[in-house]
Amino acid sequence: MSQVMLKSPRGEAIRPLVVSALEAKKNEILTGIMKTKQKLSIFEKTFSLSTGNFMIRGHQEMSQISEMDVIEWFGEHETLKKLQEKLYRLQEIEVCHQR
């Protein structure tokens, strides 16, 4: 477990600022996830192939999918995985109060 202690030279509580910043980052990542899923959906509809099946057999489908589309589709899939991992890590954070 990692811990971070934050101190402010002011007498004001910084907990609300930290919580607000974490929520803003979560919302930013959720927006990224939504946009990435929309892009994946376009590939899935265009090629009548789920992203899961594309990842398994996409290279065998090369005859109908251009190399650029393969690269972009794979990239969007990797982006989604990374965003989901970041969101999961942020959701695990517990902001504790210490006096």
PDB file of N, CA and C in Angstrom:
ATOM      1  N   MET A   1       0.847  -1.172   0.000  1.00  0.00           N
ATOM      2  CA  MET A   1       0.000   0.000   0.000  1.00  0.00           C
ATOM      3  C   MET A   1       0.895   1.239   0.000  1.00  0.00           C
ATOM      4  N   SER A   2       0.556   2.173  -0.851  1.00  0.00           N
ATOM      5  CA  SER A   2       1.263   3.455  -0.902  1.00  0.00           C
ATOM      6  C   SER A   2       0.441   4.505  -0.170  1.00  0.00           C
ATOM      7  N   GLN A   3       1.141   5.409   0.496  1.00  0.00           N
ATOM      8  CA  GLN A   3       0.471   6.498   1.176  1.00  0.00           C
ATOM      9  C   GLN A   3       1.176   7.798   0.828  1.00  0.00           C
ATOM     10  N   VAL A   4       0.377   8.853   0.780  1.00  0.00           N
ATOM     11  CA  VAL A   4       0.907  10.186   0.536  1.00  0.00           C
ATOM     12  C   VAL A   4       0.326  11.100   1.608  1.00  0.00           C
ATOM     13  N   MET A   5       1.180  11.896   2.215  1.00  0.00           N
ATOM     14  CA  MET A   5       0.695  12.876   3.187  1.00  0.00           C
ATOM     15  C   MET A   5       0.835  14.255   2.564  1.00  0.00           C
ATOM     16  N   LEU A   6      -0.226  15.007   2.608  1.00  0.00           N
ATOM     17  CA  LEU A   6      -0.222  16.357   2.069  1.00  0.00           C
ATOM     18  C   LEU A   6      -0.361  17.347   3.214  1.00  0.00           C
ATOM     19  N   LYS A   7       0.419  18.411   3.172  1.00  0.00           N
ATOM     20  CA  LYS A   7       0.333  19.460   4.180  1.00  0.00           C
ATOM     21  C   LYS A   7       0.124  20.788   3.479  1.00  0.00           C
ATOM     22  N   SER A   8      -0.668  21.623   4.106  1.00  0.00           N
ATOM     23  CA  SER A   8      -0.919  22.959   3.571  1.00  0.00           C
ATOM     24  C   SER A   8      -0.461  23.987   4.595  1.00  0.00           C
ATOM     25  N   PRO A   9       0.208  25.049   4.142  1.00  0.00           N
ATOM     26  CA  PRO A   9       0.629  26.085   5.080  1.00  0.00           C
ATOM     27  C   PRO A   9      -0.554  26.898   5.606  1.00  0.00           C
ATOM     28  N   ARG A  10      -1.682  26.774   4.948  1.00  0.00           N
ATOM     29  CA  ARG A  10      -2.886  27.483   5.377  1.00  0.00           C
ATOM     30  C   ARG A  10      -3.658  26.615   6.368  1.00  0.00           C
ATOM     31  N   GLY A  11      -4.487  27.215   7.124  1.00  0.00           N
ATOM     32  CA  GLY A  11      -5.302  26.491   8.096  1.00  0.00           C
ATOM     33  C   GLY A  11      -6.509  25.806   7.466  1.00  0.00           C
ATOM     34  N   GLU A  12      -6.721  26.049   6.176  1.00  0.00           N
ATOM     35  CA  GLU A  12      -7.899  25.502   5.499  1.00  0.00           C
ATOM     36  C   GLU A  12      -7.700  24.020   5.207  1.00  0.00           C
ATOM     37  N   ALA A  13      -8.791  23.307   5.197  1.00  0.00           N
ATOM     38  CA  ALA A  13      -8.739  21.877   4.895  1.00  0.00           C
ATOM     39  C   ALA A  13      -8.426  21.682   3.412  1.00  0.00           C
ATOM     40  N   ILE A  14      -7.511  20.778   3.128  1.00  0.00           N
ATOM     41  CA  ILE A  14      -7.180  20.495   1.722  1.00  0.00           C
ATOM     42  C   ILE A  14      -7.882  19.233   1.218  1.00  0.00           C
ATOM     43  N   ARG A  15      -8.516  18.501   2.135  1.00  0.00           N
ATOM     44  CA  ARG A  15      -9.212  17.273   1.739  1.00  0.00           C
ATOM     45  C   ARG A  15     -10.225  17.522   0.610  1.00  0.00           C
ATOM     46  N   PRO A  16     -11.080  18.559   0.729  1.00  0.00           N
ATOM     47  CA  PRO A  16     -12.043  18.804  -0.354  1.00  0.00           C
ATOM     48  C   PRO A  16     -11.365  19.066  -1.697  1.00  0.00           C
ATOM     49  N   LEU A  17     -10.230  19.730  -1.690  1.00  0.00           N
ATOM     50  CA  LEU A  17      -9.503  19.980  -2.930  1.00  0.00           C
ATOM     51  C   LEU A  17      -8.996  18.683  -3.545  1.00  0.00           C
ATOM     52  N   VAL A  18      -8.468  17.821  -2.703  1.00  0.00           N
ATOM     53  CA  VAL A  18      -7.938  16.540  -3.181  1.00  0.00           C
ATOM     54  C   VAL A  18      -9.069  15.674  -3.716  1.00  0.00           C
ATOM     55  N   VAL A  19     -10.153  15.594  -2.987  1.00  0.00           N
ATOM     56  CA  VAL A  19     -11.311  14.802  -3.428  1.00  0.00           C
ATOM     57  C   VAL A  19     -11.847  15.348  -4.746  1.00  0.00           C
ATOM     58  N   SER A  20     -11.942  16.658  -4.847  1.00  0.00           N
ATOM     59  CA  SER A  20     -12.431  17.295  -6.073  1.00  0.00           C
ATOM     60  C   SER A  20     -11.504  17.016  -7.253  1.00  0.00           C
ATOM     61  N   ALA A  21     -10.205  17.077  -7.027  1.00  0.00           N
ATOM     62  CA  ALA A  21      -9.239  16.811  -8.097  1.00  0.00           C
ATOM     63  C   ALA A  21      -9.324  15.359  -8.556  1.00  0.00           C
ATOM     64  N   LEU A  22      -9.478  14.438  -7.614  1.00  0.00           N
ATOM     65  CA  LEU A  22      -9.615  13.022  -7.974  1.00  0.00           C
ATOM     66  C   LEU A  22     -10.895  12.785  -8.774  1.00  0.00           C
ATOM     67  N   GLU A  23     -11.982  13.407  -8.365  1.00  0.00           N
ATOM     68  CA  GLU A  23     -13.254  13.259  -9.092  1.00  0.00           C
ATOM     69  C   GLU A  23     -13.149  13.840 -10.501  1.00  0.00           C
ATOM     70  N   ALA A  24     -12.494  14.984 -10.628  1.00  0.00           N
ATOM     71  CA  ALA A  24     -12.318  15.598 -11.948  1.00  0.00           C
ATOM     72  C   ALA A  24     -11.511  14.669 -12.860  1.00  0.00           C
ATOM     73  N   LYS A  25     -10.466  14.066 -12.317  1.00  0.00           N
ATOM     74  CA  LYS A  25      -9.648  13.148 -13.115  1.00  0.00           C
ATOM     75  C   LYS A  25     -10.452  11.920 -13.506  1.00  0.00           C
ATOM     76  N   LYS A  26     -11.263  11.394 -12.585  1.00  0.00           N
ATOM     77  CA  LYS A  26     -12.122  10.254 -12.913  1.00  0.00           C
ATOM     78  C   LYS A  26     -13.075  10.610 -14.051  1.00  0.00           C
ATOM     79  N   ASN A  27     -13.667  11.801 -13.968  1.00  0.00           N
ATOM     80  CA  ASN A  27     -14.598  12.237 -15.017  1.00  0.00           C
ATOM     81  C   ASN A  27     -13.889  12.399 -16.358  1.00  0.00           C
ATOM     82  N   GLU A  28     -12.671  12.906 -16.320  1.00  0.00           N
ATOM     83  CA  GLU A  28     -11.875  13.047 -17.547  1.00  0.00           C
ATOM     84  C   GLU A  28     -11.611  11.671 -18.165  1.00  0.00           C
ATOM     85  N   ILE A  29     -11.263  10.725 -17.345  1.00  0.00           N
ATOM     86  CA  ILE A  29     -10.991   9.372 -17.840  1.00  0.00           C
ATOM     87  C   ILE A  29     -12.272   8.722 -18.348  1.00  0.00           C
ATOM     88  N   LEU A  30     -13.387   8.919 -17.636  1.00  0.00           N
ATOM     89  CA  LEU A  30     -14.669   8.371 -18.095  1.00  0.00           C
ATOM     90  C   LEU A  30     -15.057   8.930 -19.459  1.00  0.00           C
ATOM     91  N   THR A  31     -14.787  10.211 -19.676  1.00  0.00           N
ATOM     92  CA  THR A  31     -15.050  10.815 -20.985  1.00  0.00           C
ATOM     93  C   THR A  31     -14.179  10.163 -22.050  1.00  0.00           C
ATOM     94  N   GLY A  32     -12.914   9.938 -21.728  1.00  0.00           N
ATOM     95  CA  GLY A  32     -12.013   9.263 -22.655  1.00  0.00           C
ATOM     96  C   GLY A  32     -12.469   7.854 -22.968  1.00  0.00           C
ATOM     97  N   ILE A  33     -12.946   7.141 -21.955  1.00  0.00           N
ATOM     98  CA  ILE A  33     -13.461   5.780 -22.154  1.00  0.00           C
ATOM     99  C   ILE A  33     -14.668   5.801 -23.084  1.00  0.00           C
ATOM    100  N   MET A  34     -15.564   6.743 -22.851  1.00  0.00           N
ATOM    101  CA  MET A  34     -16.765   6.850 -23.685  1.00  0.00           C
ATOM    102  C   MET A  34     -16.400   7.126 -25.148  1.00  0.00           C
ATOM    103  N   LYS A  35     -15.486   8.066 -25.369  1.00  0.00           N
ATOM    104  CA  LYS A  35     -15.075   8.400 -26.737  1.00  0.00           C
ATOM    105  C   LYS A  35     -14.372   7.223 -27.407  1.00  0.00           C
ATOM    106  N   THR A  36     -13.551   6.525 -26.653  1.00  0.00           N
ATOM    107  CA  THR A  36     -12.828   5.378 -27.205  1.00  0.00           C
ATOM    108  C   THR A  36     -13.802   4.264 -27.559  1.00  0.00           C
ATOM    109  N   LYS A  37     -14.786   4.029 -26.702  1.00  0.00           N
ATOM    110  CA  LYS A  37     -15.801   2.999 -26.990  1.00  0.00           C
ATOM    111  C   LYS A  37     -16.605   3.359 -28.242  1.00  0.00           C
ATOM    112  N   GLN A  38     -16.862   4.655 -28.436  1.00  0.00           N
ATOM    113  CA  GLN A  38     -17.574   5.084 -29.640  1.00  0.00           C
ATOM    114  C   GLN A  38     -16.749   4.773 -30.892  1.00  0.00           C
ATOM    115  N   LYS A  39     -15.438   5.031 -30.814  1.00  0.00           N
ATOM    116  CA  LYS A  39     -14.565   4.739 -31.951  1.00  0.00           C
ATOM    117  C   LYS A  39     -14.511   3.241 -32.218  1.00  0.00           C
ATOM    118  N   LEU A  40     -14.443   2.445 -31.158  1.00  0.00           N
ATOM    119  CA  LEU A  40     -14.430   0.989 -31.325  1.00  0.00           C
ATOM    120  C   LEU A  40     -15.743   0.518 -31.942  1.00  0.00           C
ATOM    121  N   SER A  41     -16.839   1.126 -31.531  1.00  0.00           N
ATOM    122  CA  SER A  41     -18.152   0.762 -32.066  1.00  0.00           C
ATOM    123  C   SER A  41     -18.229   1.003 -33.574  1.00  0.00           C
ATOM    124  N   ILE A  42     -17.604   2.069 -34.034  1.00  0.00           N
ATOM    125  CA  ILE A  42     -17.596   2.358 -35.476  1.00  0.00           C
ATOM    126  C   ILE A  42     -16.859   1.254 -36.225  1.00  0.00           C
ATOM    127  N   PHE A  43     -15.707   0.832 -35.711  1.00  0.00           N
ATOM    128  CA  PHE A  43     -14.974  -0.269 -36.340  1.00  0.00           C
ATOM    129  C   PHE A  43     -15.812  -1.543 -36.336  1.00  0.00           C
ATOM    130  N   GLU A  44     -16.452  -1.829 -35.210  1.00  0.00           N
ATOM    131  CA  GLU A  44     -17.255  -3.047 -35.091  1.00  0.00           C
ATOM    132  C   GLU A  44     -18.402  -3.059 -36.098  1.00  0.00           C
ATOM    133  N   LYS A  45     -19.063  -1.911 -36.261  1.00  0.00           N
ATOM    134  CA  LYS A  45     -20.171  -1.827 -37.214  1.00  0.00           C
ATOM    135  C   LYS A  45     -19.670  -1.889 -38.650  1.00  0.00           C
ATOM    136  N   THR A  46     -18.578  -1.193 -38.923  1.00  0.00           N
ATOM    137  CA  THR A  46     -18.030  -1.160 -40.282  1.00  0.00           C
ATOM    138  C   THR A  46     -17.626  -2.548 -40.764  1.00  0.00           C
ATOM    139  N   PHE A  47     -17.012  -3.322 -39.877  1.00  0.00           N
ATOM    140  CA  PHE A  47     -16.478  -4.621 -40.287  1.00  0.00           C
ATOM    141  C   PHE A  47     -17.276  -5.804 -39.747  1.00  0.00           C
ATOM    142  N   SER A  48     -18.421  -5.534 -39.119  1.00  0.00           N
ATOM    143  CA  SER A  48     -19.279  -6.584 -38.558  1.00  0.00           C
ATOM    144  C   SER A  48     -18.462  -7.586 -37.747  1.00  0.00           C
ATOM    145  N   LEU A  49     -17.666  -7.047 -36.857  1.00  0.00           N
ATOM    146  CA  LEU A  49     -16.763  -7.867 -36.058  1.00  0.00           C
ATOM    147  C   LEU A  49     -16.581  -7.198 -34.705  1.00  0.00           C
ATOM    148  N   SER A  50     -16.791  -7.950 -33.632  1.00  0.00           N
ATOM    149  CA  SER A  50     -16.582  -7.369 -32.305  1.00  0.00           C
ATOM    150  C   SER A  50     -15.097  -7.117 -32.083  1.00  0.00           C
ATOM    151  N   THR A  51     -14.811  -6.193 -31.204  1.00  0.00           N
ATOM    152  CA  THR A  51     -13.408  -5.910 -30.894  1.00  0.00           C
ATOM    153  C   THR A  51     -12.730  -7.140 -30.313  1.00  0.00           C
ATOM    154  N   GLY A  52     -13.441  -7.891 -29.471  1.00  0.00           N
ATOM    155  CA  GLY A  52     -12.885  -9.122 -28.916  1.00  0.00           C
ATOM    156  C   GLY A  52     -12.481 -10.104 -29.994  1.00  0.00           C
ATOM    157  N   ASN A  53     -13.368 -10.311 -30.972  1.00  0.00           N
ATOM    158  CA  ASN A  53     -13.047 -11.226 -32.079  1.00  0.00           C
ATOM    159  C   ASN A  53     -11.940 -10.655 -32.961  1.00  0.00           C
ATOM    160  N   PHE A  54     -11.944  -9.345 -33.133  1.00  0.00           N
ATOM    161  CA  PHE A  54     -10.873  -8.723 -33.912  1.00  0.00           C
ATOM    162  C   PHE A  54      -9.522  -8.981 -33.265  1.00  0.00           C
ATOM    163  N   MET A  55      -9.456  -8.835 -31.939  1.00  0.00           N
ATOM    164  CA  MET A  55      -8.191  -9.045 -31.243  1.00  0.00           C
ATOM    165  C   MET A  55      -7.727 -10.493 -31.365  1.00  0.00           C
ATOM    166  N   ILE A  56      -8.671 -11.419 -31.423  1.00  0.00           N
ATOM    167  CA  ILE A  56      -8.325 -12.835 -31.545  1.00  0.00           C
ATOM    168  C   ILE A  56      -7.912 -13.184 -32.970  1.00  0.00           C
ATOM    169  N   ARG A  57      -8.692 -12.718 -33.934  1.00  0.00           N
ATOM    170  CA  ARG A  57      -8.447 -13.151 -35.314  1.00  0.00           C
ATOM    171  C   ARG A  57      -8.330 -12.019 -36.321  1.00  0.00           C
ATOM    172  N   GLY A  58      -8.124 -10.806 -35.832  1.00  0.00           N
ATOM    173  CA  GLY A  58      -8.087  -9.631 -36.699  1.00  0.00           C
ATOM    174  C   GLY A  58      -7.077  -9.719 -37.820  1.00  0.00           C
ATOM    175  N   HIS A  59      -5.930 -10.284 -37.536  1.00  0.00           N
ATOM    176  CA  HIS A  59      -4.898 -10.359 -38.566  1.00  0.00           C
ATOM    177  C   HIS A  59      -5.293 -11.333 -39.682  1.00  0.00           C
ATOM    178  N   GLN A  60      -6.162 -12.272 -39.361  1.00  0.00           N
ATOM    179  CA  GLN A  60      -6.656 -13.194 -40.388  1.00  0.00           C
ATOM    180  C   GLN A  60      -7.711 -12.529 -41.256  1.00  0.00           C
ATOM    181  N   GLU A  61      -8.262 -11.428 -40.776  1.00  0.00           N
ATOM    182  CA  GLU A  61      -9.294 -10.688 -41.513  1.00  0.00           C
ATOM    183  C   GLU A  61      -8.678  -9.577 -42.375  1.00  0.00           C
ATOM    184  N   MET A  62      -7.375  -9.593 -42.514  1.00  0.00           N
ATOM    185  CA  MET A  62      -6.665  -8.518 -43.204  1.00  0.00           C
ATOM    186  C   MET A  62      -7.174  -8.260 -44.612  1.00  0.00           C
ATOM    187  N   SER A  63      -7.709  -9.258 -45.266  1.00  0.00           N
ATOM    188  CA  SER A  63      -8.162  -9.052 -46.641  1.00  0.00           C
ATOM    189  C   SER A  63      -9.270  -8.002 -46.720  1.00  0.00           C
ATOM    190  N   GLN A  64     -10.107  -7.926 -45.701  1.00  0.00           N
ATOM    191  CA  GLN A  64     -11.200  -6.951 -45.748  1.00  0.00           C
ATOM    192  C   GLN A  64     -10.908  -5.698 -44.917  1.00  0.00           C
ATOM    193  N   ILE A  65      -9.870  -5.716 -44.109  1.00  0.00           N
ATOM    194  CA  ILE A  65      -9.540  -4.583 -43.259  1.00  0.00           C
ATOM    195  C   ILE A  65      -8.174  -4.035 -43.656  1.00  0.00           C
ATOM    196  N   SER A  66      -8.126  -2.747 -43.951  1.00  0.00           N
ATOM    197  CA  SER A  66      -6.857  -2.144 -44.353  1.00  0.00           C
ATOM    198  C   SER A  66      -5.867  -2.162 -43.190  1.00  0.00           C
ATOM    199  N   GLU A  67      -4.599  -2.087 -43.524  1.00  0.00           N
ATOM    200  CA  GLU A  67      -3.560  -2.091 -42.498  1.00  0.00           C
ATOM    201  C   GLU A  67      -3.717  -0.901 -41.547  1.00  0.00           C
ATOM    202  N   MET A  68      -4.088   0.243 -42.093  1.00  0.00           N
ATOM    203  CA  MET A  68      -4.286   1.434 -41.265  1.00  0.00           C
ATOM    204  C   MET A  68      -5.438   1.232 -40.287  1.00  0.00           C
ATOM    205  N   ASP A  69      -6.537   0.624 -40.747  1.00  0.00           N
ATOM    206  CA  ASP A  69      -7.664   0.347 -39.854  1.00  0.00           C
ATOM    207  C   ASP A  69      -7.268  -0.642 -38.760  1.00  0.00           C
ATOM    208  N   VAL A  70      -6.472  -1.635 -39.102  1.00  0.00           N
ATOM    209  CA  VAL A  70      -5.999  -2.609 -38.117  1.00  0.00           C
ATOM    210  C   VAL A  70      -5.196  -1.890 -37.033  1.00  0.00           C
ATOM    211  N   ILE A  71      -4.294  -1.024 -37.467  1.00  0.00           N
ATOM    212  CA  ILE A  71      -3.451  -0.287 -36.521  1.00  0.00           C
ATOM    213  C   ILE A  71      -4.301   0.615 -35.622  1.00  0.00           C
ATOM    214  N   GLU A  72      -5.241   1.335 -36.224  1.00  0.00           N
ATOM    215  CA  GLU A  72      -6.095   2.244 -35.450  1.00  0.00           C
ATOM    216  C   GLU A  72      -6.990   1.477 -34.483  1.00  0.00           C
ATOM    217  N   TRP A  73      -7.576   0.387 -34.957  1.00  0.00           N
ATOM    218  CA  TRP A  73      -8.472  -0.422 -34.132  1.00  0.00           C
ATOM    219  C   TRP A  73      -7.699  -0.995 -32.941  1.00  0.00           C
ATOM    220  N   PHE A  74      -6.541  -1.549 -33.220  1.00  0.00           N
ATOM    221  CA  PHE A  74      -5.705  -2.088 -32.159  1.00  0.00           C
ATOM    222  C   PHE A  74      -5.325  -0.983 -31.172  1.00  0.00           C
ATOM    223  N   GLY A  75      -4.965   0.179 -31.688  1.00  0.00           N
ATOM    224  CA  GLY A  75      -4.591   1.306 -30.837  1.00  0.00           C
ATOM    225  C   GLY A  75      -5.729   1.764 -29.935  1.00  0.00           C
ATOM    226  N   GLU A  76      -6.930   1.828 -30.479  1.00  0.00           N
ATOM    227  CA  GLU A  76      -8.094   2.217 -29.674  1.00  0.00           C
ATOM    228  C   GLU A  76      -8.359   1.183 -28.578  1.00  0.00           C
ATOM    229  N   HIS A  77      -8.192  -0.083 -28.925  1.00  0.00           N
ATOM    230  CA  HIS A  77      -8.381  -1.151 -27.931  1.00  0.00           C
ATOM    231  C   HIS A  77      -7.364  -1.007 -26.790  1.00  0.00           C
ATOM    232  N   GLU A  78      -6.121  -0.753 -27.132  1.00  0.00           N
ATOM    233  CA  GLU A  78      -5.069  -0.571 -26.124  1.00  0.00           C
ATOM    234  C   GLU A  78      -5.335   0.680 -25.283  1.00  0.00           C
ATOM    235  N   THR A  79      -5.797   1.744 -25.923  1.00  0.00           N
ATOM    236  CA  THR A  79      -6.136   2.973 -25.209  1.00  0.00           C
ATOM    237  C   THR A  79      -7.241   2.703 -24.197  1.00  0.00           C
ATOM    238  N   LEU A  80      -8.261   1.965 -24.602  1.00  0.00           N
ATOM    239  CA  LEU A  80      -9.365   1.639 -23.705  1.00  0.00           C
ATOM    240  C   LEU A  80      -8.865   0.857 -22.491  1.00  0.00           C
ATOM    241  N   LYS A  81      -8.017  -0.120 -22.725  1.00  0.00           N
ATOM    242  CA  LYS A  81      -7.482  -0.911 -21.614  1.00  0.00           C
ATOM    243  C   LYS A  81      -6.709  -0.028 -20.630  1.00  0.00           C
ATOM    244  N   LYS A  82      -5.895   0.867 -21.153  1.00  0.00           N
ATOM    245  CA  LYS A  82      -5.099   1.751 -20.292  1.00  0.00           C
ATOM    246  C   LYS A  82      -5.987   2.720 -19.508  1.00  0.00           C
ATOM    247  N   LEU A  83      -7.005   3.265 -20.164  1.00  0.00           N
ATOM    248  CA  LEU A  83      -7.921   4.175 -19.482  1.00  0.00           C
ATOM    249  C   LEU A  83      -8.691   3.447 -18.377  1.00  0.00           C
ATOM    250  N   GLN A  84      -9.143   2.242 -18.671  1.00  0.00           N
ATOM    251  CA  GLN A  84      -9.877   1.473 -17.673  1.00  0.00           C
ATOM    252  C   GLN A  84      -8.991   1.139 -16.474  1.00  0.00           C
ATOM    253  N   GLU A  85      -7.732   0.841 -16.722  1.00  0.00           N
ATOM    254  CA  GLU A  85      -6.802   0.556 -15.624  1.00  0.00           C
ATOM    255  C   GLU A  85      -6.574   1.814 -14.773  1.00  0.00           C
ATOM    256  N   LYS A  86      -6.413   2.963 -15.421  1.00  0.00           N
ATOM    257  CA  LYS A  86      -6.240   4.213 -14.671  1.00  0.00           C
ATOM    258  C   LYS A  86      -7.471   4.500 -13.813  1.00  0.00           C
ATOM    259  N   LEU A  87      -8.652   4.307 -14.394  1.00  0.00           N
ATOM    260  CA  LEU A  87      -9.884   4.551 -13.647  1.00  0.00           C
ATOM    261  C   LEU A  87      -9.970   3.613 -12.444  1.00  0.00           C
ATOM    262  N   TYR A  88      -9.647   2.357 -12.648  1.00  0.00           N
ATOM    263  CA  TYR A  88      -9.681   1.377 -11.566  1.00  0.00           C
ATOM    264  C   TYR A  88      -8.739   1.799 -10.437  1.00  0.00           C
ATOM    265  N   ARG A  89      -7.537   2.230 -10.802  1.00  0.00           N
ATOM    266  CA  ARG A  89      -6.565   2.664  -9.792  1.00  0.00           C
ATOM    267  C   ARG A  89      -7.064   3.885  -9.025  1.00  0.00           C
ATOM    268  N   LEU A  90      -7.686   4.825  -9.725  1.00  0.00           N
ATOM    269  CA  LEU A  90      -8.228   6.009  -9.050  1.00  0.00           C
ATOM    270  C   LEU A  90      -9.390   5.647  -8.129  1.00  0.00           C
ATOM    271  N   GLN A  91     -10.211   4.709  -8.561  1.00  0.00           N
ATOM    272  CA  GLN A  91     -11.359   4.313  -7.749  1.00  0.00           C
ATOM    273  C   GLN A  91     -10.933   3.595  -6.473  1.00  0.00           C
ATOM    274  N   GLU A  92      -9.742   3.030  -6.470  1.00  0.00           N
ATOM    275  CA  GLU A  92      -9.231   2.339  -5.284  1.00  0.00           C
ATOM    276  C   GLU A  92      -8.702   3.299  -4.218  1.00  0.00           C
ATOM    277  N   ILE A  93      -8.446   4.537  -4.607  1.00  0.00           N
ATOM    278  CA  ILE A  93      -7.844   5.488  -3.677  1.00  0.00           C
ATOM    279  C   ILE A  93      -8.839   5.875  -2.593  1.00  0.00           C
ATOM    280  N   GLU A  94      -8.359   5.842  -1.381  1.00  0.00           N
ATOM    281  CA  GLU A  94      -9.151   6.265  -0.237  1.00  0.00           C
ATOM    282  C   GLU A  94      -8.500   7.507   0.345  1.00  0.00           C
ATOM    283  N   VAL A  95      -9.246   8.578   0.413  1.00  0.00           N
ATOM    284  CA  VAL A  95      -8.719   9.817   0.997  1.00  0.00           C
ATOM    285  C   VAL A  95      -9.029   9.763   2.493  1.00  0.00           C
ATOM    286  N   CYS A  96      -7.983   9.659   3.282  1.00  0.00           N
ATOM    287  CA  CYS A  96      -8.123   9.538   4.721  1.00  0.00           C
ATOM    288  C   CYS A  96      -7.943  10.900   5.388  1.00  0.00           C
ATOM    289  N   HIS A  97      -8.500  11.032   6.537  1.00  0.00           N
ATOM    290  CA  HIS A  97      -8.399  12.286   7.280  1.00  0.00           C
ATOM    291  C   HIS A  97      -7.511  12.063   8.496  1.00  0.00           C
ATOM    292  N   GLN A  98      -6.520  12.929   8.663  1.00  0.00           N
ATOM    293  CA  GLN A  98      -5.633  12.856   9.817  1.00  0.00           C
ATOM    294  C   GLN A  98      -5.471  14.258  10.369  1.00  0.00           C
ATOM    295  N   ARG A  99      -5.514  14.384  11.641  1.00  0.00           N
ATOM    296  CA  ARG A  99      -5.365  15.711  12.258  1.00  0.00           C
ATOM    297  C   ARG A  99      -4.017  15.861  12.858  1.00  0.00           C
TER     298      ARG A  99
END
